[in-house]
Amino acid sequence: MKISQDIRREHGGDLSVDEVEAGMAEKSAEFAASGNRVYLPLAE
């Protein structure tokens, strides 16, 4: 539990709900742009 608290404090634990939701929306758009696939084909 202490590790989780340390990580939150050091890496964005003070973000507002709006900032977190904006970040999730950005990642969602990035995921959609890559084709909504979890596993991408290997580059040859």
PDB file of N, CA and C in Angstrom:
ATOM      1  N   MET A   1       0.814  -1.178   0.000  1.00  0.00           N
ATOM      2  CA  MET A   1       0.000   0.000   0.000  1.00  0.00           C
ATOM      3  C   MET A   1       0.868   1.257   0.000  1.00  0.00           C
ATOM      4  N   LYS A   2       1.936   1.235   0.749  1.00  0.00           N
ATOM      5  CA  LYS A   2       2.823   2.391   0.799  1.00  0.00           C
ATOM      6  C   LYS A   2       3.449   2.658  -0.560  1.00  0.00           C
ATOM      7  N   ILE A   3       3.782   1.614  -1.301  1.00  0.00           N
ATOM      8  CA  ILE A   3       4.365   1.783  -2.624  1.00  0.00           C
ATOM      9  C   ILE A   3       3.376   2.506  -3.530  1.00  0.00           C
ATOM     10  N   SER A   4       2.121   2.090  -3.516  1.00  0.00           N
ATOM     11  CA  SER A   4       1.093   2.731  -4.339  1.00  0.00           C
ATOM     12  C   SER A   4       0.932   4.200  -3.968  1.00  0.00           C
ATOM     13  N   GLN A   5       0.955   4.499  -2.694  1.00  0.00           N
ATOM     14  CA  GLN A   5       0.832   5.883  -2.248  1.00  0.00           C
ATOM     15  C   GLN A   5       2.026   6.710  -2.706  1.00  0.00           C
ATOM     16  N   ASP A   6       3.217   6.145  -2.626  1.00  0.00           N
ATOM     17  CA  ASP A   6       4.415   6.854  -3.076  1.00  0.00           C
ATOM     18  C   ASP A   6       4.345   7.151  -4.569  1.00  0.00           C
ATOM     19  N   ILE A   7       3.916   6.178  -5.338  1.00  0.00           N
ATOM     20  CA  ILE A   7       3.826   6.367  -6.792  1.00  0.00           C
ATOM     21  C   ILE A   7       2.798   7.439  -7.121  1.00  0.00           C
ATOM     22  N   ARG A   8       1.631   7.395  -6.492  1.00  0.00           N
ATOM     23  CA  ARG A   8       0.609   8.416  -6.735  1.00  0.00           C
ATOM     24  C   ARG A   8       1.133   9.801  -6.397  1.00  0.00           C
ATOM     25  N   ARG A   9       1.813   9.919  -5.282  1.00  0.00           N
ATOM     26  CA  ARG A   9       2.322  11.219  -4.834  1.00  0.00           C
ATOM     27  C   ARG A   9       3.382  11.750  -5.810  1.00  0.00           C
ATOM     28  N   GLU A  10       4.258  10.886  -6.295  1.00  0.00           N
ATOM     29  CA  GLU A  10       5.352  11.320  -7.144  1.00  0.00           C
ATOM     30  C   GLU A  10       4.965  11.467  -8.606  1.00  0.00           C
ATOM     31  N   HIS A  11       3.927  10.750  -9.045  1.00  0.00           N
ATOM     32  CA  HIS A  11       3.620  10.716 -10.471  1.00  0.00           C
ATOM     33  C   HIS A  11       2.158  11.019 -10.764  1.00  0.00           C
ATOM     34  N   GLY A  12       1.672  12.101 -10.248  1.00  0.00           N
ATOM     35  CA  GLY A  12       0.352  12.546 -10.659  1.00  0.00           C
ATOM     36  C   GLY A  12      -0.764  12.308  -9.685  1.00  0.00           C
ATOM     37  N   GLY A  13      -0.470  12.074  -8.448  1.00  0.00           N
ATOM     38  CA  GLY A  13      -1.522  11.874  -7.472  1.00  0.00           C
ATOM     39  C   GLY A  13      -2.318  13.122  -7.191  1.00  0.00           C
ATOM     40  N   ASP A  14      -1.824  14.268  -7.638  1.00  0.00           N
ATOM     41  CA  ASP A  14      -2.515  15.525  -7.382  1.00  0.00           C
ATOM     42  C   ASP A  14      -3.323  16.006  -8.587  1.00  0.00           C
ATOM     43  N   LEU A  15      -3.579  15.122  -9.547  1.00  0.00           N
ATOM     44  CA  LEU A  15      -4.357  15.485 -10.720  1.00  0.00           C
ATOM     45  C   LEU A  15      -5.837  15.548 -10.366  1.00  0.00           C
ATOM     46  N   SER A  16      -6.537  16.468 -11.025  1.00  0.00           N
ATOM     47  CA  SER A  16      -7.978  16.557 -10.814  1.00  0.00           C
ATOM     48  C   SER A  16      -8.678  15.489 -11.651  1.00  0.00           C
ATOM     49  N   VAL A  17      -9.936  15.273 -11.370  1.00  0.00           N
ATOM     50  CA  VAL A  17     -10.722  14.284 -12.097  1.00  0.00           C
ATOM     51  C   VAL A  17     -10.783  14.669 -13.581  1.00  0.00           C
ATOM     52  N   ASP A  18     -10.915  15.952 -13.862  1.00  0.00           N
ATOM     53  CA  ASP A  18     -10.974  16.412 -15.254  1.00  0.00           C
ATOM     54  C   ASP A  18      -9.680  16.119 -15.997  1.00  0.00           C
ATOM     55  N   GLU A  19      -8.545  16.291 -15.330  1.00  0.00           N
ATOM     56  CA  GLU A  19      -7.255  16.012 -15.962  1.00  0.00           C
ATOM     57  C   GLU A  19      -7.081  14.525 -16.229  1.00  0.00           C
ATOM     58  N   VAL A  20      -7.518  13.701 -15.306  1.00  0.00           N
ATOM     59  CA  VAL A  20      -7.427  12.249 -15.484  1.00  0.00           C
ATOM     60  C   VAL A  20      -8.321  11.820 -16.652  1.00  0.00           C
ATOM     61  N   GLU A  21      -9.549  12.335 -16.699  1.00  0.00           N
ATOM     62  CA  GLU A  21     -10.473  11.983 -17.778  1.00  0.00           C
ATOM     63  C   GLU A  21      -9.953  12.456 -19.128  1.00  0.00           C
ATOM     64  N   ALA A  22      -9.316  13.629 -19.185  1.00  0.00           N
ATOM     65  CA  ALA A  22      -8.737  14.130 -20.432  1.00  0.00           C
ATOM     66  C   ALA A  22      -7.603  13.214 -20.888  1.00  0.00           C
ATOM     67  N   GLY A  23      -6.781  12.755 -19.961  1.00  0.00           N
ATOM     68  CA  GLY A  23      -5.701  11.838 -20.297  1.00  0.00           C
ATOM     69  C   GLY A  23      -6.218  10.506 -20.805  1.00  0.00           C
ATOM     70  N   MET A  24      -7.288  10.006 -20.191  1.00  0.00           N
ATOM     71  CA  MET A  24      -7.884   8.749 -20.641  1.00  0.00           C
ATOM     72  C   MET A  24      -8.508   8.904 -22.023  1.00  0.00           C
ATOM     73  N   ALA A  25      -9.136  10.048 -22.284  1.00  0.00           N
ATOM     74  CA  ALA A  25      -9.727  10.302 -23.603  1.00  0.00           C
ATOM     75  C   ALA A  25      -8.637  10.357 -24.670  1.00  0.00           C
ATOM     76  N   GLU A  26      -7.501  10.954 -24.334  1.00  0.00           N
ATOM     77  CA  GLU A  26      -6.379  11.026 -25.269  1.00  0.00           C
ATOM     78  C   GLU A  26      -5.846   9.629 -25.590  1.00  0.00           C
ATOM     79  N   LYS A  27      -5.692   8.802 -24.560  1.00  0.00           N
ATOM     80  CA  LYS A  27      -5.211   7.435 -24.784  1.00  0.00           C
ATOM     81  C   LYS A  27      -6.237   6.615 -25.557  1.00  0.00           C
ATOM     82  N   SER A  28      -7.515   6.859 -25.316  1.00  0.00           N
ATOM     83  CA  SER A  28      -8.569   6.151 -26.036  1.00  0.00           C
ATOM     84  C   SER A  28      -8.514   6.490 -27.523  1.00  0.00           C
ATOM     85  N   ALA A  29      -8.306   7.764 -27.846  1.00  0.00           N
ATOM     86  CA  ALA A  29      -8.187   8.182 -29.246  1.00  0.00           C
ATOM     87  C   ALA A  29      -6.947   7.568 -29.887  1.00  0.00           C
ATOM     88  N   GLU A  30      -5.859   7.496 -29.133  1.00  0.00           N
ATOM     89  CA  GLU A  30      -4.623   6.881 -29.631  1.00  0.00           C
ATOM     90  C   GLU A  30      -4.847   5.394 -29.927  1.00  0.00           C
ATOM     91  N   PHE A  31      -5.570   4.712 -29.047  1.00  0.00           N
ATOM     92  CA  PHE A  31      -5.881   3.296 -29.228  1.00  0.00           C
ATOM     93  C   PHE A  31      -6.772   3.101 -30.456  1.00  0.00           C
ATOM     94  N   ALA A  32      -7.766   3.970 -30.635  1.00  0.00           N
ATOM     95  CA  ALA A  32      -8.663   3.876 -31.791  1.00  0.00           C
ATOM     96  C   ALA A  32      -7.888   4.116 -33.084  1.00  0.00           C
ATOM     97  N   ALA A  33      -6.933   5.035 -33.057  1.00  0.00           N
ATOM     98  CA  ALA A  33      -6.138   5.337 -34.250  1.00  0.00           C
ATOM     99  C   ALA A  33      -5.249   4.157 -34.644  1.00  0.00           C
ATOM    100  N   SER A  34      -4.902   3.315 -33.681  1.00  0.00           N
ATOM    101  CA  SER A  34      -4.065   2.155 -33.989  1.00  0.00           C
ATOM    102  C   SER A  34      -4.896   0.949 -34.411  1.00  0.00           C
ATOM    103  N   GLY A  35      -6.205   1.120 -34.540  1.00  0.00           N
ATOM    104  CA  GLY A  35      -7.054   0.050 -35.039  1.00  0.00           C
ATOM    105  C   GLY A  35      -7.826  -0.708 -33.980  1.00  0.00           C
ATOM    106  N   ASN A  36      -7.852  -0.200 -32.748  1.00  0.00           N
ATOM    107  CA  ASN A  36      -8.584  -0.838 -31.648  1.00  0.00           C
ATOM    108  C   ASN A  36      -8.169  -2.290 -31.424  1.00  0.00           C
ATOM    109  N   ARG A  37      -6.912  -2.589 -31.678  1.00  0.00           N
ATOM    110  CA  ARG A  37      -6.424  -3.957 -31.467  1.00  0.00           C
ATOM    111  C   ARG A  37      -5.448  -3.961 -30.307  1.00  0.00           C
ATOM    112  N   VAL A  38      -5.607  -4.952 -29.442  1.00  0.00           N
ATOM    113  CA  VAL A  38      -4.719  -5.073 -28.289  1.00  0.00           C
ATOM    114  C   VAL A  38      -3.361  -5.588 -28.738  1.00  0.00           C
ATOM    115  N   TYR A  39      -3.373  -6.594 -29.603  1.00  0.00           N
ATOM    116  CA  TYR A  39      -2.128  -7.177 -30.092  1.00  0.00           C
ATOM    117  C   TYR A  39      -1.897  -6.716 -31.521  1.00  0.00           C
ATOM    118  N   LEU A  40      -0.831  -5.999 -31.739  1.00  0.00           N
ATOM    119  CA  LEU A  40      -0.492  -5.523 -33.076  1.00  0.00           C
ATOM    120  C   LEU A  40       0.401  -6.545 -33.764  1.00  0.00           C
ATOM    121  N   PRO A  41       0.342  -6.611 -35.091  1.00  0.00           N
ATOM    122  CA  PRO A  41       1.204  -7.571 -35.805  1.00  0.00           C
ATOM    123  C   PRO A  41       2.675  -7.202 -35.634  1.00  0.00           C
ATOM    124  N   LEU A  42       3.521  -8.218 -35.692  1.00  0.00           N
ATOM    125  CA  LEU A  42       4.952  -7.988 -35.591  1.00  0.00           C
ATOM    126  C   LEU A  42       5.471  -7.313 -36.853  1.00  0.00           C
ATOM    127  N   ALA A  43       6.375  -6.378 -36.684  1.00  0.00           N
ATOM    128  CA  ALA A  43       7.003  -5.724 -37.832  1.00  0.00           C
ATOM    129  C   ALA A  43       8.044  -6.662 -38.427  1.00  0.00           C
ATOM    130  N   GLU A  44       8.066  -6.744 -39.721  1.00  0.00           N
ATOM    131  CA  GLU A  44       9.039  -7.638 -40.370  1.00  0.00           C
ATOM    132  C   GLU A  44      10.134  -6.857 -41.035  1.00  0.00           C
TER     133      GLU A  44
END
